[in-house]
Every structure is written in C-alpha cells, then in structure tokens.
Amino acid sequence: MEYVALTGISDIVMSELKEHLLRTLEIRSPQNFITSLGINVGDHIFITHTSAQDIMRGTPGVVVQVVKHQVSTHRTLTGNDTFYEEHESMIIRLQLKSIGVARINNILSNELGKITSVDAEQICFYEAR
C-alpha cells in the first residue's frame, strides 16, 4: 500500500508508537515539514527512524493514523537600542495513533523538496525482523 513517509524519527518515539500509544510529534525538519503539509486527519502514514537518505527496500517502520494536524508559527523578537531582529519559524504538530508495524517494499518518491512516499506492507509482529 502507498504511504506518505516521515523519516528520521527518534527511537524513543518509535518505541512508544510500537506500544500503541497516542503520541504528538512536532515536525521541524524541512523534508518532513514539506511532506506533512499534504497530510490530513484520518490519513495513514509510514514513519521510520531511518533517515531519508538511507531508506531502502526492507526498512522497518510503523504505520500510524493522523488524529490531529496543526500548523503553528512562532515569532521571536530580540534587540537592543541599535537594532531589532525578528525570527519566525513554523512547525507542524501531528497527533498519531499506531496501526501496526510495516516494512518498505519500494520507494516511490524521495527527492529533496518533494513529498516522501513509499510502498509498504504491514507485517505481523512474529514476522518483523
């Protein structure tokens, strides 16, 4: 099945999702941010701890369902008597619910600046290696 993929997710988050816990992620990395813009509530996505450059056939991950999707902007203003500097950053918060463990069959798109997508199949826990 085809999934949008988030890559480079920490091992701690991956462990919690494998235990079927609800988890909220803050997406800040540029590649995952671009990918997350196209995600909607209810979508099933594939996440893995492996970086985008290293994913390949057989890479393990977790299929999750998006429960909430929120885009936030943060502004920071610093300065003194002579100058002011404004810094703005955007993050996406995704609340995820685990569906099951999966493995990549094929990488469909993994170009810089484009949505990362993979063909993956869910596997039973006794098959996960």
C-alpha atoms as a PDB file:
ATOM      1  CA  MET A   1       0.000   0.000   0.000  1.00  0.00           C
ATOM      2  CA  GLU A   2       1.213   3.526  -0.739  1.00  0.00           C
ATOM      3  CA  TYR A   3       2.011   5.774   2.246  1.00  0.00           C
ATOM      4  CA  VAL A   4       3.421   9.224   2.798  1.00  0.00           C
ATOM      5  CA  ALA A   5       6.601   8.715   4.865  1.00  0.00           C
ATOM      6  CA  LEU A   6       8.176  10.669   7.711  1.00  0.00           C
ATOM      7  CA  THR A   7      11.827   9.767   8.234  1.00  0.00           C
ATOM      8  CA  GLY A   8      14.464  10.255  10.918  1.00  0.00           C
ATOM      9  CA  ILE A   9      12.005   9.994  13.818  1.00  0.00           C
ATOM     10  CA  SER A  10      13.684   9.288  17.186  1.00  0.00           C
ATOM     11  CA  ASP A  11      13.918   5.750  18.543  1.00  0.00           C
ATOM     12  CA  ILE A  12      12.032   6.745  21.720  1.00  0.00           C
ATOM     13  CA  VAL A  13       9.024   7.937  19.693  1.00  0.00           C
ATOM     14  CA  MET A  14       9.163   4.817  17.533  1.00  0.00           C
ATOM     15  CA  SER A  15       9.161   2.585  20.650  1.00  0.00           C
ATOM     16  CA  GLU A  16       6.154   4.379  22.104  1.00  0.00           C
ATOM     17  CA  LEU A  17       4.224   4.081  18.843  1.00  0.00           C
ATOM     18  CA  LYS A  18       5.030   0.365  18.610  1.00  0.00           C
ATOM     19  CA  GLU A  19       3.404   0.014  22.045  1.00  0.00           C
ATOM     20  CA  HIS A  20       0.227   1.542  20.527  1.00  0.00           C
ATOM     21  CA  LEU A  21       0.411   4.773  22.488  1.00  0.00           C
ATOM     22  CA  LEU A  22      -1.067   8.020  21.209  1.00  0.00           C
ATOM     23  CA  ARG A  23       1.778  10.427  20.531  1.00  0.00           C
ATOM     24  CA  THR A  24       2.100  14.040  19.325  1.00  0.00           C
ATOM     25  CA  LEU A  25       5.092  14.929  17.155  1.00  0.00           C
ATOM     26  CA  GLU A  26       6.414  18.397  16.366  1.00  0.00           C
ATOM     27  CA  ILE A  27       7.750  18.375  12.826  1.00  0.00           C
ATOM     28  CA  ARG A  28      10.555  20.900  12.264  1.00  0.00           C
ATOM     29  CA  SER A  29      12.894  19.284   9.734  1.00  0.00           C
ATOM     30  CA  PRO A  30      12.420  20.752   6.236  1.00  0.00           C
ATOM     31  CA  GLN A  31      11.838  17.447   4.405  1.00  0.00           C
ATOM     32  CA  ASN A  32       9.321  16.109   6.949  1.00  0.00           C
ATOM     33  CA  PHE A  33       7.661  19.565   7.078  1.00  0.00           C
ATOM     34  CA  ILE A  34       7.094  19.568   3.307  1.00  0.00           C
ATOM     35  CA  THR A  35       5.747  16.019   3.492  1.00  0.00           C
ATOM     36  CA  SER A  36       3.482  16.865   6.458  1.00  0.00           C
ATOM     37  CA  LEU A  37       1.814  19.784   4.671  1.00  0.00           C
ATOM     38  CA  GLY A  38      -0.072  17.316   2.474  1.00  0.00           C
ATOM     39  CA  ILE A  39      -1.243  15.100   5.343  1.00  0.00           C
ATOM     40  CA  ASN A  40      -4.865  15.243   6.519  1.00  0.00           C
ATOM     41  CA  VAL A  41      -6.656  13.993   9.622  1.00  0.00           C
ATOM     42  CA  GLY A  42      -7.545  10.327   9.149  1.00  0.00           C
ATOM     43  CA  ASP A  43      -4.666   9.582   6.749  1.00  0.00           C
ATOM     44  CA  HIS A  44      -2.452   6.569   7.336  1.00  0.00           C
ATOM     45  CA  ILE A  45       1.265   7.368   7.092  1.00  0.00           C
ATOM     46  CA  PHE A  46       4.516   5.419   7.452  1.00  0.00           C
ATOM     47  CA  ILE A  47       7.163   6.621   9.911  1.00  0.00           C
ATOM     48  CA  THR A  48      10.666   5.298  10.439  1.00  0.00           C
ATOM     49  CA  HIS A  49      13.775   6.138  12.447  1.00  0.00           C
ATOM     50  CA  THR A  50      15.925   5.734   9.321  1.00  0.00           C
ATOM     51  CA  SER A  51      16.999   8.988   7.635  1.00  0.00           C
ATOM     52  CA  ALA A  52      15.586   9.939   4.233  1.00  0.00           C
ATOM     53  CA  GLN A  53      18.946   9.266   2.555  1.00  0.00           C
ATOM     54  CA  ASP A  54      19.165   5.741   3.989  1.00  0.00           C
ATOM     55  CA  ILE A  55      15.674   4.315   3.466  1.00  0.00           C
ATOM     56  CA  MET A  56      15.513   1.328   1.133  1.00  0.00           C
ATOM     57  CA  ARG A  57      13.586  -1.857   0.490  1.00  0.00           C
ATOM     58  CA  GLY A  58      13.157  -3.689   3.813  1.00  0.00           C
ATOM     59  CA  THR A  59      13.423  -0.600   6.044  1.00  0.00           C
ATOM     60  CA  PRO A  60      11.136  -1.138   9.055  1.00  0.00           C
ATOM     61  CA  GLY A  61       8.703   1.398  10.425  1.00  0.00           C
ATOM     62  CA  VAL A  62       5.259   1.937  11.907  1.00  0.00           C
ATOM     63  CA  VAL A  63       2.004   2.763  10.129  1.00  0.00           C
ATOM     64  CA  VAL A  64       0.055   5.382  12.074  1.00  0.00           C
ATOM     65  CA  GLN A  65      -3.215   7.245  11.673  1.00  0.00           C
ATOM     66  CA  VAL A  66      -3.261  11.039  11.933  1.00  0.00           C
ATOM     67  CA  VAL A  67      -5.671  12.096  14.693  1.00  0.00           C
ATOM     68  CA  LYS A  68      -4.862  15.855  14.711  1.00  0.00           C
ATOM     69  CA  HIS A  69      -2.922  18.139  12.353  1.00  0.00           C
ATOM     70  CA  GLN A  70      -1.962  21.671  13.386  1.00  0.00           C
ATOM     71  CA  VAL A  71       0.361  24.252  11.787  1.00  0.00           C
ATOM     72  CA  SER A  72       1.847  26.833  14.179  1.00  0.00           C
ATOM     73  CA  THR A  73       4.018  29.902  13.687  1.00  0.00           C
ATOM     74  CA  HIS A  74       6.412  31.111  16.374  1.00  0.00           C
ATOM     75  CA  ARG A  75       7.918  34.613  16.374  1.00  0.00           C
ATOM     76  CA  THR A  76      10.841  35.715  18.483  1.00  0.00           C
ATOM     77  CA  LEU A  77      11.854  39.351  18.706  1.00  0.00           C
ATOM     78  CA  THR A  78      15.237  40.293  20.160  1.00  0.00           C
ATOM     79  CA  GLY A  79      17.163  43.512  20.118  1.00  0.00           C
ATOM     80  CA  ASN A  80      18.756  46.425  21.885  1.00  0.00           C
ATOM     81  CA  ASP A  81      18.901  50.201  21.381  1.00  0.00           C
ATOM     82  CA  THR A  82      20.511  49.980  17.934  1.00  0.00           C
ATOM     83  CA  PHE A  83      18.767  47.072  16.183  1.00  0.00           C
ATOM     84  CA  TYR A  84      15.954  44.556  16.379  1.00  0.00           C
ATOM     85  CA  GLU A  85      15.925  41.071  14.966  1.00  0.00           C
ATOM     86  CA  GLU A  86      12.810  39.060  14.289  1.00  0.00           C
ATOM     87  CA  HIS A  87      12.937  35.294  13.845  1.00  0.00           C
ATOM     88  CA  GLU A  88       9.944  33.342  12.608  1.00  0.00           C
ATOM     89  CA  SER A  89       9.622  29.563  12.415  1.00  0.00           C
ATOM     90  CA  MET A  90       6.808  27.183  11.571  1.00  0.00           C
ATOM     91  CA  ILE A  91       6.128  23.746  12.999  1.00  0.00           C
ATOM     92  CA  ILE A  92       3.522  21.116  12.346  1.00  0.00           C
ATOM     93  CA  ARG A  93       2.066  19.140  15.233  1.00  0.00           C
ATOM     94  CA  LEU A  94       0.757  15.698  14.334  1.00  0.00           C
ATOM     95  CA  GLN A  95      -1.094  13.580  16.861  1.00  0.00           C
ATOM     96  CA  LEU A  96      -0.642   9.969  15.804  1.00  0.00           C
ATOM     97  CA  LYS A  97      -2.275   6.676  16.726  1.00  0.00           C
ATOM     98  CA  SER A  98      -0.395   3.475  15.953  1.00  0.00           C
ATOM     99  CA  ILE A  99      -1.894   0.999  13.472  1.00  0.00           C
ATOM    100  CA  GLY A 100       0.915  -1.554  13.153  1.00  0.00           C
ATOM    101  CA  VAL A 101       4.455  -2.437  12.132  1.00  0.00           C
ATOM    102  CA  ALA A 102       5.368  -2.293   8.430  1.00  0.00           C
ATOM    103  CA  ARG A 103       8.279  -2.722   6.037  1.00  0.00           C
ATOM    104  CA  ILE A 104       9.112  -0.788   2.845  1.00  0.00           C
ATOM    105  CA  ASN A 105       8.706  -2.663  -0.441  1.00  0.00           C
ATOM    106  CA  ASN A 106       9.586   0.217  -2.762  1.00  0.00           C
ATOM    107  CA  ILE A 107      10.449   3.918  -2.560  1.00  0.00           C
ATOM    108  CA  LEU A 108       8.074   5.912  -4.774  1.00  0.00           C
ATOM    109  CA  SER A 109       9.398   9.438  -4.130  1.00  0.00           C
ATOM    110  CA  ASN A 110      12.341  10.639  -2.063  1.00  0.00           C
ATOM    111  CA  GLU A 111      13.533  13.840  -3.725  1.00  0.00           C
ATOM    112  CA  LEU A 112      14.612  16.885  -1.754  1.00  0.00           C
ATOM    113  CA  GLY A 113      11.761  19.383  -1.553  1.00  0.00           C
ATOM    114  CA  LYS A 114       9.075  16.886  -2.569  1.00  0.00           C
ATOM    115  CA  ILE A 115       6.772  14.603  -0.588  1.00  0.00           C
ATOM    116  CA  THR A 116       8.424  11.378   0.531  1.00  0.00           C
ATOM    117  CA  SER A 117       6.246   8.378  -0.301  1.00  0.00           C
ATOM    118  CA  VAL A 118       6.783   4.634  -0.118  1.00  0.00           C
ATOM    119  CA  ASP A 119       5.048   1.390  -0.913  1.00  0.00           C
ATOM    120  CA  ALA A 120       4.987  -0.619   2.321  1.00  0.00           C
ATOM    121  CA  GLU A 121       3.222  -3.654   3.693  1.00  0.00           C
ATOM    122  CA  GLN A 122       2.072  -4.203   7.235  1.00  0.00           C
ATOM    123  CA  ILE A 123       3.622  -7.213   8.902  1.00  0.00           C
ATOM    124  CA  CYS A 124       2.690  -9.336  11.887  1.00  0.00           C
ATOM    125  CA  PHE A 125       4.895  -8.951  14.930  1.00  0.00           C
ATOM    126  CA  TYR A 126       6.167 -12.512  14.614  1.00  0.00           C
ATOM    127  CA  GLU A 127       7.314 -11.701  11.043  1.00  0.00           C
ATOM    128  CA  ALA A 128       9.080  -8.433  11.964  1.00  0.00           C
ATOM    129  CA  ARG A 129      12.839  -8.903  11.628  1.00  0.00           C
END
